[in-house]
Amino acid sequence: MARGEFMSDIEEYGHAPEAQPVTATLAGCAILVVVAVAAPWLVPQQPLATLLAAGVAIGAAAWLVGLVVTVRHAAIGWKIGSLAILLVAGAAAALVAHGQYQTRARADASSFADAEFGPNGDPMPPAGAAGRGPLSRLYVDALQSDRADAAAFGKALAGVALGNLNSPYLLQQDPRPITDCAAIARIIPLAEEQAARRKASDAALRAAIAGASLSEDARRGVALMAIGAPGDDRVLANQRAMLESSSELCVLLARRGWVNAGGYFGFASAADGALFKALTARRIEIAAAMARDAREAAARREEGRDLVRTALERSIFLS
């Protein structure tokens, strides 16, 4: 039988292998599209270089599968061409995945960029901030917790009429503080409990910031806004110092060795007068430290917001 007749018989009965490089290439591209869409939901954020390497590797793997199944029967041009297409498609899929990671992270960080500040420097996140992402949710939760704690601490101070220790007139009208000086010290555990909550909240935020797919500047800005100053909890230190010095002042005033001297405390004992002046100076010093820390915290938050805003203005491929 002649060669031409033999080939005709093979084609007639469907025995000749049929190459389908176009179908194989399109199938590989479809796989890459699925991977690009699903990756941000299944895999933690990776550096762009890692995503590019993974995308090219998946593209090469898809080509190898296609080669074994069908492309090996195609002409050499199709083999090389399909490989090139899938490698480029893999890199493109990596860029798409990177864009999705960045879009989600930037939506989260926008809560910090869009924040405003009240007259006293308190941060006011935008409406719906908690729904913008994990960082935003933690931040909003922390702010709500801090405000609830501040209200509870203020209520505790009001409960012992601590402000009355500043005025002989007020103390004469309402002597509650000097009838139970120990009540002032009993507020310290509340301050410590609130400090423990702040510490736990800061730790959760610190971990979330470290894992966020944001630039270093954006992460630093978020940290400045959301986390307290590094080092010891100065809020707790100042609260404890104020309560302890107020407790000492209470004990002094409870002796009743004072008079209302025209709106000022007057003491017959020079020693009592000297102790009163020292304790008063100490309380003024602590109050000034609290005010200074509040101003520094407000300045840090504004600096952080500006850093986040600037970072979000950059291209996602520079993040």
C-alpha atoms as a PDB file:
ATOM      1  CA  MET A   1       0.000   0.000   0.000  1.00  0.00           C
ATOM      2  CA  ALA A   2       1.328   3.403  -0.930  1.00  0.00           C
ATOM      3  CA  ARG A   3       2.132   5.913   1.876  1.00  0.00           C
ATOM      4  CA  GLY A   4      -0.583   8.329   0.653  1.00  0.00           C
ATOM      5  CA  GLU A   5      -3.214   5.606   0.782  1.00  0.00           C
ATOM      6  CA  PHE A   6      -2.080   4.611   4.317  1.00  0.00           C
ATOM      7  CA  MET A   7      -2.423   8.158   5.639  1.00  0.00           C
ATOM      8  CA  SER A   8      -5.842   8.495   4.014  1.00  0.00           C
ATOM      9  CA  ASP A   9      -7.027   5.351   5.769  1.00  0.00           C
ATOM     10  CA  ILE A  10      -5.776   6.649   9.181  1.00  0.00           C
ATOM     11  CA  GLU A  11      -7.539   9.968   8.714  1.00  0.00           C
ATOM     12  CA  GLU A  12     -10.719   8.220   7.551  1.00  0.00           C
ATOM     13  CA  TYR A  13     -10.920   6.050  10.680  1.00  0.00           C
ATOM     14  CA  GLY A  14      -9.796   8.885  13.085  1.00  0.00           C
ATOM     15  CA  HIS A  15      -6.520   7.295  14.211  1.00  0.00           C
ATOM     16  CA  ALA A  16      -4.309  10.317  13.476  1.00  0.00           C
ATOM     17  CA  PRO A  17      -3.478  12.315  16.651  1.00  0.00           C
ATOM     18  CA  GLU A  18      -5.055  15.765  16.472  1.00  0.00           C
ATOM     19  CA  ALA A  19      -3.192  18.718  18.036  1.00  0.00           C
ATOM     20  CA  GLN A  20      -5.329  21.431  19.672  1.00  0.00           C
ATOM     21  CA  PRO A  21      -2.845  24.083  20.819  1.00  0.00           C
ATOM     22  CA  VAL A  22      -5.413  26.888  20.799  1.00  0.00           C
ATOM     23  CA  THR A  23      -7.788  24.992  23.093  1.00  0.00           C
ATOM     24  CA  ALA A  24      -4.943  23.977  25.403  1.00  0.00           C
ATOM     25  CA  THR A  25      -3.617  27.531  25.591  1.00  0.00           C
ATOM     26  CA  LEU A  26      -7.061  28.969  26.310  1.00  0.00           C
ATOM     27  CA  ALA A  27      -7.636  26.350  29.007  1.00  0.00           C
ATOM     28  CA  GLY A  28      -4.327  27.268  30.627  1.00  0.00           C
ATOM     29  CA  CYS A  29      -5.255  30.954  30.555  1.00  0.00           C
ATOM     30  CA  ALA A  30      -8.618  30.153  32.144  1.00  0.00           C
ATOM     31  CA  ILE A  31      -6.863  28.322  34.962  1.00  0.00           C
ATOM     32  CA  LEU A  32      -4.622  31.332  35.523  1.00  0.00           C
ATOM     33  CA  VAL A  33      -7.636  33.651  35.665  1.00  0.00           C
ATOM     34  CA  VAL A  34      -9.227  31.448  38.338  1.00  0.00           C
ATOM     35  CA  VAL A  35      -5.978  31.401  40.315  1.00  0.00           C
ATOM     36  CA  ALA A  36      -5.636  35.202  40.083  1.00  0.00           C
ATOM     37  CA  VAL A  37      -9.181  35.740  41.356  1.00  0.00           C
ATOM     38  CA  ALA A  38      -9.073  33.104  44.106  1.00  0.00           C
ATOM     39  CA  ALA A  39      -5.560  33.717  45.459  1.00  0.00           C
ATOM     40  CA  PRO A  40      -6.354  36.843  47.548  1.00  0.00           C
ATOM     41  CA  TRP A  41      -9.130  34.909  49.311  1.00  0.00           C
ATOM     42  CA  LEU A  42      -7.116  31.765  49.954  1.00  0.00           C
ATOM     43  CA  VAL A  43      -3.490  32.820  50.393  1.00  0.00           C
ATOM     44  CA  PRO A  44      -2.005  35.553  52.626  1.00  0.00           C
ATOM     45  CA  GLN A  45      -0.461  38.526  50.860  1.00  0.00           C
ATOM     46  CA  GLN A  46       2.906  37.806  49.230  1.00  0.00           C
ATOM     47  CA  PRO A  47       5.520  40.187  47.787  1.00  0.00           C
ATOM     48  CA  LEU A  48       5.017  41.111  44.144  1.00  0.00           C
ATOM     49  CA  ALA A  49       8.205  39.267  43.147  1.00  0.00           C
ATOM     50  CA  THR A  50       6.890  36.080  44.775  1.00  0.00           C
ATOM     51  CA  LEU A  51       3.544  36.450  43.022  1.00  0.00           C
ATOM     52  CA  LEU A  52       5.269  36.948  39.654  1.00  0.00           C
ATOM     53  CA  ALA A  53       7.438  33.870  40.172  1.00  0.00           C
ATOM     54  CA  ALA A  54       4.406  31.809  41.191  1.00  0.00           C
ATOM     55  CA  GLY A  55       2.349  33.061  38.242  1.00  0.00           C
ATOM     56  CA  VAL A  56       5.081  32.194  35.733  1.00  0.00           C
ATOM     57  CA  ALA A  57       5.557  28.782  37.369  1.00  0.00           C
ATOM     58  CA  ILE A  58       1.823  28.006  37.165  1.00  0.00           C
ATOM     59  CA  GLY A  59       1.806  29.149  33.547  1.00  0.00           C
ATOM     60  CA  ALA A  60       4.719  26.819  32.788  1.00  0.00           C
ATOM     61  CA  ALA A  61       2.983  23.953  34.591  1.00  0.00           C
ATOM     62  CA  ALA A  62      -0.205  24.531  32.600  1.00  0.00           C
ATOM     63  CA  TRP A  63       1.860  24.480  29.410  1.00  0.00           C
ATOM     64  CA  LEU A  64       3.500  21.177  30.373  1.00  0.00           C
ATOM     65  CA  VAL A  65       0.094  19.597  30.957  1.00  0.00           C
ATOM     66  CA  GLY A  66      -1.112  20.881  27.610  1.00  0.00           C
ATOM     67  CA  LEU A  67       2.062  19.646  25.962  1.00  0.00           C
ATOM     68  CA  VAL A  68       1.577  16.120  27.250  1.00  0.00           C
ATOM     69  CA  VAL A  69      -2.138  16.047  26.399  1.00  0.00           C
ATOM     70  CA  THR A  70      -2.178  17.586  22.942  1.00  0.00           C
ATOM     71  CA  VAL A  71       0.287  20.348  22.086  1.00  0.00           C
ATOM     72  CA  ARG A  72       3.120  17.864  21.522  1.00  0.00           C
ATOM     73  CA  HIS A  73       1.414  16.919  18.255  1.00  0.00           C
ATOM     74  CA  ALA A  74       1.473  20.530  17.046  1.00  0.00           C
ATOM     75  CA  ALA A  75       4.130  22.274  15.018  1.00  0.00           C
ATOM     76  CA  ILE A  76       7.161  23.676  16.832  1.00  0.00           C
ATOM     77  CA  GLY A  77       5.848  27.214  16.346  1.00  0.00           C
ATOM     78  CA  TRP A  78       2.717  26.406  18.328  1.00  0.00           C
ATOM     79  CA  LYS A  79       4.729  24.758  21.061  1.00  0.00           C
ATOM     80  CA  ILE A  80       6.940  27.787  21.538  1.00  0.00           C
ATOM     81  CA  GLY A  81       4.085  30.228  21.045  1.00  0.00           C
ATOM     82  CA  SER A  82       1.785  28.554  23.564  1.00  0.00           C
ATOM     83  CA  LEU A  83       4.599  28.493  26.119  1.00  0.00           C
ATOM     84  CA  ALA A  84       5.249  32.205  25.638  1.00  0.00           C
ATOM     85  CA  ILE A  85       1.534  33.028  25.914  1.00  0.00           C
ATOM     86  CA  LEU A  86       1.103  31.068  29.148  1.00  0.00           C
ATOM     87  CA  LEU A  87       4.225  32.538  30.738  1.00  0.00           C
ATOM     88  CA  VAL A  88       3.000  36.055  29.949  1.00  0.00           C
ATOM     89  CA  ALA A  89      -0.492  35.125  31.151  1.00  0.00           C
ATOM     90  CA  GLY A  90       1.018  33.818  34.396  1.00  0.00           C
ATOM     91  CA  ALA A  91       2.820  37.114  34.976  1.00  0.00           C
ATOM     92  CA  ALA A  92      -0.372  39.017  34.164  1.00  0.00           C
ATOM     93  CA  ALA A  93      -2.336  36.861  36.611  1.00  0.00           C
ATOM     94  CA  ALA A  94       0.224  37.699  39.292  1.00  0.00           C
ATOM     95  CA  LEU A  95      -0.257  41.408  38.630  1.00  0.00           C
ATOM     96  CA  VAL A  96      -4.022  40.979  38.850  1.00  0.00           C
ATOM     97  CA  ALA A  97      -3.702  39.148  42.173  1.00  0.00           C
ATOM     98  CA  HIS A  98      -1.326  41.828  43.472  1.00  0.00           C
ATOM     99  CA  GLY A  99      -3.826  44.487  42.466  1.00  0.00           C
ATOM    100  CA  GLN A 100      -6.596  42.695  44.359  1.00  0.00           C
ATOM    101  CA  TYR A 101      -4.462  42.381  47.476  1.00  0.00           C
ATOM    102  CA  GLN A 102      -3.606  46.060  47.312  1.00  0.00           C
ATOM    103  CA  THR A 103      -7.155  47.159  46.612  1.00  0.00           C
ATOM    104  CA  ARG A 104      -8.459  45.304  49.651  1.00  0.00           C
ATOM    105  CA  ALA A 105      -5.626  46.540  51.870  1.00  0.00           C
ATOM    106  CA  ARG A 106      -6.063  50.124  50.700  1.00  0.00           C
ATOM    107  CA  ALA A 107      -9.781  50.043  51.351  1.00  0.00           C
ATOM    108  CA  ASP A 108      -8.915  48.949  54.886  1.00  0.00           C
ATOM    109  CA  ALA A 109      -6.274  51.660  55.295  1.00  0.00           C
ATOM    110  CA  SER A 110      -8.632  54.316  53.935  1.00  0.00           C
ATOM    111  CA  SER A 111     -10.351  54.368  57.337  1.00  0.00           C
ATOM    112  CA  PHE A 112      -7.170  55.908  58.724  1.00  0.00           C
ATOM    113  CA  ALA A 113      -6.631  58.272  55.797  1.00  0.00           C
ATOM    114  CA  ASP A 114     -10.231  59.515  56.000  1.00  0.00           C
ATOM    115  CA  ALA A 115     -10.277  59.992  59.779  1.00  0.00           C
ATOM    116  CA  GLU A 116     -10.937  63.412  61.258  1.00  0.00           C
ATOM    117  CA  PHE A 117     -10.123  64.758  64.705  1.00  0.00           C
ATOM    118  CA  GLY A 118     -12.284  66.472  67.287  1.00  0.00           C
ATOM    119  CA  PRO A 119     -11.385  69.715  69.080  1.00  0.00           C
ATOM    120  CA  ASN A 120      -9.519  67.776  71.759  1.00  0.00           C
ATOM    121  CA  GLY A 121      -7.663  65.647  69.205  1.00  0.00           C
ATOM    122  CA  ASP A 122      -9.850  62.567  69.556  1.00  0.00           C
ATOM    123  CA  PRO A 123      -9.937  60.519  66.321  1.00  0.00           C
ATOM    124  CA  MET A 124     -13.248  60.197  64.468  1.00  0.00           C
ATOM    125  CA  PRO A 125     -13.164  57.382  61.875  1.00  0.00           C
ATOM    126  CA  PRO A 126     -15.420  57.745  58.825  1.00  0.00           C
ATOM    127  CA  ALA A 127     -18.899  56.228  58.812  1.00  0.00           C
ATOM    128  CA  GLY A 128     -18.850  52.490  58.176  1.00  0.00           C
ATOM    129  CA  ALA A 129     -15.140  52.236  58.916  1.00  0.00           C
ATOM    130  CA  ALA A 130     -15.496  48.922  60.767  1.00  0.00           C
ATOM    131  CA  GLY A 131     -16.657  47.277  57.533  1.00  0.00           C
ATOM    132  CA  ARG A 132     -13.621  48.301  55.490  1.00  0.00           C
ATOM    133  CA  GLY A 133     -11.323  45.542  56.701  1.00  0.00           C
ATOM    134  CA  PRO A 134      -9.683  43.833  59.675  1.00  0.00           C
ATOM    135  CA  LEU A 135      -7.426  46.752  60.605  1.00  0.00           C
ATOM    136  CA  SER A 136     -10.332  49.178  60.547  1.00  0.00           C
ATOM    137  CA  ARG A 137     -12.499  46.849  62.625  1.00  0.00           C
ATOM    138  CA  LEU A 138      -9.803  46.444  65.291  1.00  0.00           C
ATOM    139  CA  TYR A 139      -9.219  50.195  65.351  1.00  0.00           C
ATOM    140  CA  VAL A 140     -12.897  51.056  65.743  1.00  0.00           C
ATOM    141  CA  ASP A 141     -13.247  48.420  68.470  1.00  0.00           C
ATOM    142  CA  ALA A 142     -10.222  49.868  70.284  1.00  0.00           C
ATOM    143  CA  LEU A 143     -11.589  53.420  70.096  1.00  0.00           C
ATOM    144  CA  GLN A 144     -14.974  52.329  71.414  1.00  0.00           C
ATOM    145  CA  SER A 145     -13.316  50.404  74.236  1.00  0.00           C
ATOM    146  CA  ASP A 146     -11.106  53.373  75.147  1.00  0.00           C
ATOM    147  CA  ARG A 147     -14.078  55.740  75.235  1.00  0.00           C
ATOM    148  CA  ALA A 148     -16.110  53.371  77.376  1.00  0.00           C
ATOM    149  CA  ASP A 149     -13.145  52.992  79.733  1.00  0.00           C
ATOM    150  CA  ALA A 150     -12.640  56.755  79.944  1.00  0.00           C
ATOM    151  CA  ALA A 151     -16.298  57.189  80.835  1.00  0.00           C
ATOM    152  CA  ALA A 152     -16.069  54.463  83.488  1.00  0.00           C
ATOM    153  CA  PHE A 153     -12.928  56.015  84.964  1.00  0.00           C
ATOM    154  CA  GLY A 154     -14.541  59.451  85.055  1.00  0.00           C
ATOM    155  CA  LYS A 155     -17.602  57.985  86.741  1.00  0.00           C
ATOM    156  CA  ALA A 156     -15.380  56.359  89.368  1.00  0.00           C
ATOM    157  CA  LEU A 157     -13.669  59.689  90.073  1.00  0.00           C
ATOM    158  CA  ALA A 158     -17.022  61.435  90.308  1.00  0.00           C
ATOM    159  CA  GLY A 159     -18.192  58.717  92.682  1.00  0.00           C
ATOM    160  CA  VAL A 160     -15.589  59.727  95.268  1.00  0.00           C
ATOM    161  CA  ALA A 161     -15.970  63.467  94.502  1.00  0.00           C
ATOM    162  CA  LEU A 162     -12.240  63.690  93.876  1.00  0.00           C
ATOM    163  CA  GLY A 163     -12.497  67.235  92.549  1.00  0.00           C
ATOM    164  CA  ASN A 164     -13.645  68.440  95.946  1.00  0.00           C
ATOM    165  CA  LEU A 165     -10.086  68.017  97.242  1.00  0.00           C
ATOM    166  CA  ASN A 166      -9.126  71.065  95.186  1.00  0.00           C
ATOM    167  CA  SER A 167     -11.398  73.512  97.029  1.00  0.00           C
ATOM    168  CA  PRO A 168     -12.149  74.069 100.738  1.00  0.00           C
ATOM    169  CA  TYR A 169     -15.554  75.429  99.759  1.00  0.00           C
ATOM    170  CA  LEU A 170     -16.489  72.320  97.763  1.00  0.00           C
ATOM    171  CA  LEU A 171     -15.114  70.069 100.488  1.00  0.00           C
ATOM    172  CA  GLN A 172     -17.248  71.835 103.088  1.00  0.00           C
ATOM    173  CA  GLN A 173     -20.312  71.375 100.897  1.00  0.00           C
ATOM    174  CA  ASP A 174     -19.587  67.728 100.109  1.00  0.00           C
ATOM    175  CA  PRO A 175     -17.003  66.082 102.391  1.00  0.00           C
ATOM    176  CA  ARG A 176     -17.380  62.611 100.856  1.00  0.00           C
ATOM    177  CA  PRO A 177     -13.710  62.274  99.833  1.00  0.00           C
ATOM    178  CA  ILE A 178     -12.339  62.716 103.348  1.00  0.00           C
ATOM    179  CA  THR A 179     -14.867  60.337 104.904  1.00  0.00           C
ATOM    180  CA  ASP A 180     -13.414  57.361 102.990  1.00  0.00           C
ATOM    181  CA  CYS A 181      -9.930  58.070 101.639  1.00  0.00           C
ATOM    182  CA  ALA A 182      -9.413  54.374 100.878  1.00  0.00           C
ATOM    183  CA  ALA A 183     -12.090  54.670  98.185  1.00  0.00           C
ATOM    184  CA  ILE A 184      -9.638  56.686  96.076  1.00  0.00           C
ATOM    185  CA  ALA A 185      -7.021  53.932  96.123  1.00  0.00           C
ATOM    186  CA  ARG A 186      -9.707  51.402  95.212  1.00  0.00           C
ATOM    187  CA  ILE A 187      -9.937  53.032  91.760  1.00  0.00           C
ATOM    188  CA  ILE A 188      -6.386  51.909  90.924  1.00  0.00           C
ATOM    189  CA  PRO A 189      -7.414  48.321  90.046  1.00  0.00           C
ATOM    190  CA  LEU A 190      -9.916  49.756  87.560  1.00  0.00           C
ATOM    191  CA  ALA A 191      -7.113  51.735  85.910  1.00  0.00           C
ATOM    192  CA  GLU A 192      -4.969  48.598  85.781  1.00  0.00           C
ATOM    193  CA  GLU A 193      -7.801  46.577  84.242  1.00  0.00           C
ATOM    194  CA  GLN A 194      -8.263  49.205  81.561  1.00  0.00           C
ATOM    195  CA  ALA A 195      -4.522  49.272  80.904  1.00  0.00           C
ATOM    196  CA  ALA A 196      -4.565  45.499  80.364  1.00  0.00           C
ATOM    197  CA  ARG A 197      -7.302  45.949  77.764  1.00  0.00           C
ATOM    198  CA  ARG A 198      -5.249  48.621  75.995  1.00  0.00           C
ATOM    199  CA  LYS A 199      -2.222  46.336  75.981  1.00  0.00           C
ATOM    200  CA  ALA A 200      -4.196  43.455  74.453  1.00  0.00           C
ATOM    201  CA  SER A 201      -5.749  45.764  71.892  1.00  0.00           C
ATOM    202  CA  ASP A 202      -2.347  47.193  70.935  1.00  0.00           C
ATOM    203  CA  ALA A 203      -0.922  43.684  70.537  1.00  0.00           C
ATOM    204  CA  ALA A 204      -3.773  42.658  68.213  1.00  0.00           C
ATOM    205  CA  LEU A 205      -3.380  45.817  66.157  1.00  0.00           C
ATOM    206  CA  ARG A 206       0.398  45.426  65.990  1.00  0.00           C
ATOM    207  CA  ALA A 207       0.047  41.885  64.619  1.00  0.00           C
ATOM    208  CA  ALA A 208      -2.590  42.955  62.095  1.00  0.00           C
ATOM    209  CA  ILE A 209      -0.468  45.888  60.906  1.00  0.00           C
ATOM    210  CA  ALA A 210       2.583  43.652  60.462  1.00  0.00           C
ATOM    211  CA  GLY A 211       0.567  41.286  58.266  1.00  0.00           C
ATOM    212  CA  ALA A 212      -1.162  43.966  56.185  1.00  0.00           C
ATOM    213  CA  SER A 213      -0.253  44.216  52.491  1.00  0.00           C
ATOM    214  CA  LEU A 214       0.679  47.877  52.771  1.00  0.00           C
ATOM    215  CA  SER A 215       3.832  49.866  52.224  1.00  0.00           C
ATOM    216  CA  GLU A 216       6.144  50.472  55.159  1.00  0.00           C
ATOM    217  CA  ASP A 217       5.053  54.119  55.341  1.00  0.00           C
ATOM    218  CA  ALA A 218       1.373  53.149  55.408  1.00  0.00           C
ATOM    219  CA  ARG A 219       1.952  50.585  58.140  1.00  0.00           C
ATOM    220  CA  ARG A 220       3.924  53.111  60.181  1.00  0.00           C
ATOM    221  CA  GLY A 221       1.145  55.671  59.750  1.00  0.00           C
ATOM    222  CA  VAL A 222      -1.528  53.217  60.872  1.00  0.00           C
ATOM    223  CA  ALA A 223       0.579  52.283  63.895  1.00  0.00           C
ATOM    224  CA  LEU A 224       1.018  55.939  64.871  1.00  0.00           C
ATOM    225  CA  MET A 225      -2.739  56.409  64.769  1.00  0.00           C
ATOM    226  CA  ALA A 226      -3.872  53.161  66.347  1.00  0.00           C
ATOM    227  CA  ILE A 227      -1.231  52.169  68.903  1.00  0.00           C
ATOM    228  CA  GLY A 228      -0.101  54.003  72.016  1.00  0.00           C
ATOM    229  CA  ALA A 229       3.371  55.414  72.479  1.00  0.00           C
ATOM    230  CA  PRO A 230       6.084  52.755  72.791  1.00  0.00           C
ATOM    231  CA  GLY A 231       7.312  51.795  76.242  1.00  0.00           C
ATOM    232  CA  ASP A 232       5.399  51.732  79.509  1.00  0.00           C
ATOM    233  CA  ASP A 233       1.726  52.665  79.586  1.00  0.00           C
ATOM    234  CA  ARG A 234       2.022  56.346  80.507  1.00  0.00           C
ATOM    235  CA  VAL A 235      -1.738  56.645  80.878  1.00  0.00           C
ATOM    236  CA  LEU A 236      -1.713  54.064  83.651  1.00  0.00           C
ATOM    237  CA  ALA A 237       1.417  55.535  85.234  1.00  0.00           C
ATOM    238  CA  ASN A 238      -0.154  58.989  85.389  1.00  0.00           C
ATOM    239  CA  GLN A 239      -3.504  57.694  86.623  1.00  0.00           C
ATOM    240  CA  ARG A 240      -1.853  55.677  89.376  1.00  0.00           C
ATOM    241  CA  ALA A 241       0.351  58.617  90.397  1.00  0.00           C
ATOM    242  CA  MET A 242      -2.637  60.971  90.511  1.00  0.00           C
ATOM    243  CA  LEU A 243      -4.734  58.572  92.573  1.00  0.00           C
ATOM    244  CA  GLU A 244      -1.896  57.863  94.993  1.00  0.00           C
ATOM    245  CA  SER A 245      -1.084  61.550  95.538  1.00  0.00           C
ATOM    246  CA  SER A 246      -4.807  62.340  95.858  1.00  0.00           C
ATOM    247  CA  SER A 247      -5.141  59.597  98.446  1.00  0.00           C
ATOM    248  CA  GLU A 248      -2.296  61.144 100.450  1.00  0.00           C
ATOM    249  CA  LEU A 249      -3.929  64.565 100.160  1.00  0.00           C
ATOM    250  CA  CYS A 250      -7.220  63.069 101.306  1.00  0.00           C
ATOM    251  CA  VAL A 251      -5.590  61.626 104.415  1.00  0.00           C
ATOM    252  CA  LEU A 252      -4.074  65.039 105.185  1.00  0.00           C
ATOM    253  CA  LEU A 253      -7.360  66.890 104.748  1.00  0.00           C
ATOM    254  CA  ALA A 254      -9.256  64.243 106.727  1.00  0.00           C
ATOM    255  CA  ARG A 255      -7.385  65.412 109.828  1.00  0.00           C
ATOM    256  CA  ARG A 256      -9.463  68.602 109.639  1.00  0.00           C
ATOM    257  CA  GLY A 257      -6.455  70.767 110.439  1.00  0.00           C
ATOM    258  CA  TRP A 258      -7.425  73.274 107.767  1.00  0.00           C
ATOM    259  CA  VAL A 259      -9.760  76.230 107.307  1.00  0.00           C
ATOM    260  CA  ASN A 260     -11.313  77.943 104.338  1.00  0.00           C
ATOM    261  CA  ALA A 261      -9.090  80.977 103.958  1.00  0.00           C
ATOM    262  CA  GLY A 262     -10.915  82.921 101.257  1.00  0.00           C
ATOM    263  CA  GLY A 263     -11.247  79.953  98.928  1.00  0.00           C
ATOM    264  CA  TYR A 264      -7.816  78.542  99.779  1.00  0.00           C
ATOM    265  CA  PHE A 265      -6.777  75.899 102.277  1.00  0.00           C
ATOM    266  CA  GLY A 266      -5.181  77.408 105.369  1.00  0.00           C
ATOM    267  CA  PHE A 267      -3.246  75.288 107.882  1.00  0.00           C
ATOM    268  CA  ALA A 268      -2.375  76.037 111.484  1.00  0.00           C
ATOM    269  CA  SER A 269       0.451  73.489 111.308  1.00  0.00           C
ATOM    270  CA  ALA A 270       3.440  74.481 109.227  1.00  0.00           C
ATOM    271  CA  ALA A 271       4.229  70.824 108.557  1.00  0.00           C
ATOM    272  CA  ASP A 272       0.706  70.198 107.262  1.00  0.00           C
ATOM    273  CA  GLY A 273       0.943  73.317 105.124  1.00  0.00           C
ATOM    274  CA  ALA A 274       4.263  72.184 103.628  1.00  0.00           C
ATOM    275  CA  LEU A 275       2.902  68.701 102.901  1.00  0.00           C
ATOM    276  CA  PHE A 276      -0.196  70.221 101.305  1.00  0.00           C
ATOM    277  CA  LYS A 277       1.962  72.388  99.032  1.00  0.00           C
ATOM    278  CA  ALA A 278       4.131  69.410  98.036  1.00  0.00           C
ATOM    279  CA  LEU A 279       1.142  67.209  97.252  1.00  0.00           C
ATOM    280  CA  THR A 280      -0.587  70.006  95.352  1.00  0.00           C
ATOM    281  CA  ALA A 281       2.561  70.627  93.307  1.00  0.00           C
ATOM    282  CA  ARG A 282       2.797  66.913  92.593  1.00  0.00           C
ATOM    283  CA  ARG A 283      -0.806  66.733  91.407  1.00  0.00           C
ATOM    284  CA  ILE A 284      -0.299  69.792  89.178  1.00  0.00           C
ATOM    285  CA  GLU A 285       2.818  68.171  87.734  1.00  0.00           C
ATOM    286  CA  ILE A 286       0.913  64.947  86.972  1.00  0.00           C
ATOM    287  CA  ALA A 287      -1.977  66.878  85.397  1.00  0.00           C
ATOM    288  CA  ALA A 288       0.518  68.732  83.194  1.00  0.00           C
ATOM    289  CA  ALA A 289       2.091  65.411  82.156  1.00  0.00           C
ATOM    290  CA  MET A 290      -1.353  64.062  81.250  1.00  0.00           C
ATOM    291  CA  ALA A 291      -2.077  67.130  79.133  1.00  0.00           C
ATOM    292  CA  ARG A 292       1.332  66.908  77.473  1.00  0.00           C
ATOM    293  CA  ASP A 293       0.865  63.216  76.681  1.00  0.00           C
ATOM    294  CA  ALA A 294      -2.576  63.956  75.226  1.00  0.00           C
ATOM    295  CA  ARG A 295      -1.100  66.634  72.950  1.00  0.00           C
ATOM    296  CA  GLU A 296       1.707  64.310  71.842  1.00  0.00           C
ATOM    297  CA  ALA A 297      -0.792  61.526  71.127  1.00  0.00           C
ATOM    298  CA  ALA A 298      -2.908  63.907  69.044  1.00  0.00           C
ATOM    299  CA  ALA A 299       0.183  65.002  67.104  1.00  0.00           C
ATOM    300  CA  ARG A 300       1.169  61.357  66.488  1.00  0.00           C
ATOM    301  CA  ARG A 301      -2.290  60.569  65.179  1.00  0.00           C
ATOM    302  CA  GLU A 302      -2.221  63.491  62.761  1.00  0.00           C
ATOM    303  CA  GLU A 303       1.262  62.540  61.577  1.00  0.00           C
ATOM    304  CA  GLY A 304       0.068  58.972  61.072  1.00  0.00           C
ATOM    305  CA  ARG A 305      -2.954  60.055  59.065  1.00  0.00           C
ATOM    306  CA  ASP A 306      -0.754  62.165  56.771  1.00  0.00           C
ATOM    307  CA  LEU A 307       1.615  59.215  56.245  1.00  0.00           C
ATOM    308  CA  VAL A 308      -1.260  56.921  55.288  1.00  0.00           C
ATOM    309  CA  ARG A 309      -2.739  59.498  52.930  1.00  0.00           C
ATOM    310  CA  THR A 310       0.579  60.002  51.162  1.00  0.00           C
ATOM    311  CA  ALA A 311       1.197  56.265  50.912  1.00  0.00           C
ATOM    312  CA  LEU A 312      -2.222  55.600  49.389  1.00  0.00           C
ATOM    313  CA  GLU A 313      -1.574  58.192  46.683  1.00  0.00           C
ATOM    314  CA  ARG A 314       1.240  56.056  45.281  1.00  0.00           C
ATOM    315  CA  SER A 315       0.782  53.375  42.631  1.00  0.00           C
ATOM    316  CA  ILE A 316      -0.098  49.910  43.913  1.00  0.00           C
ATOM    317  CA  PHE A 317       3.004  48.609  42.178  1.00  0.00           C
ATOM    318  CA  LEU A 318       5.195  50.808  44.377  1.00  0.00           C
ATOM    319  CA  SER A 319       3.651  49.427  47.556  1.00  0.00           C
END
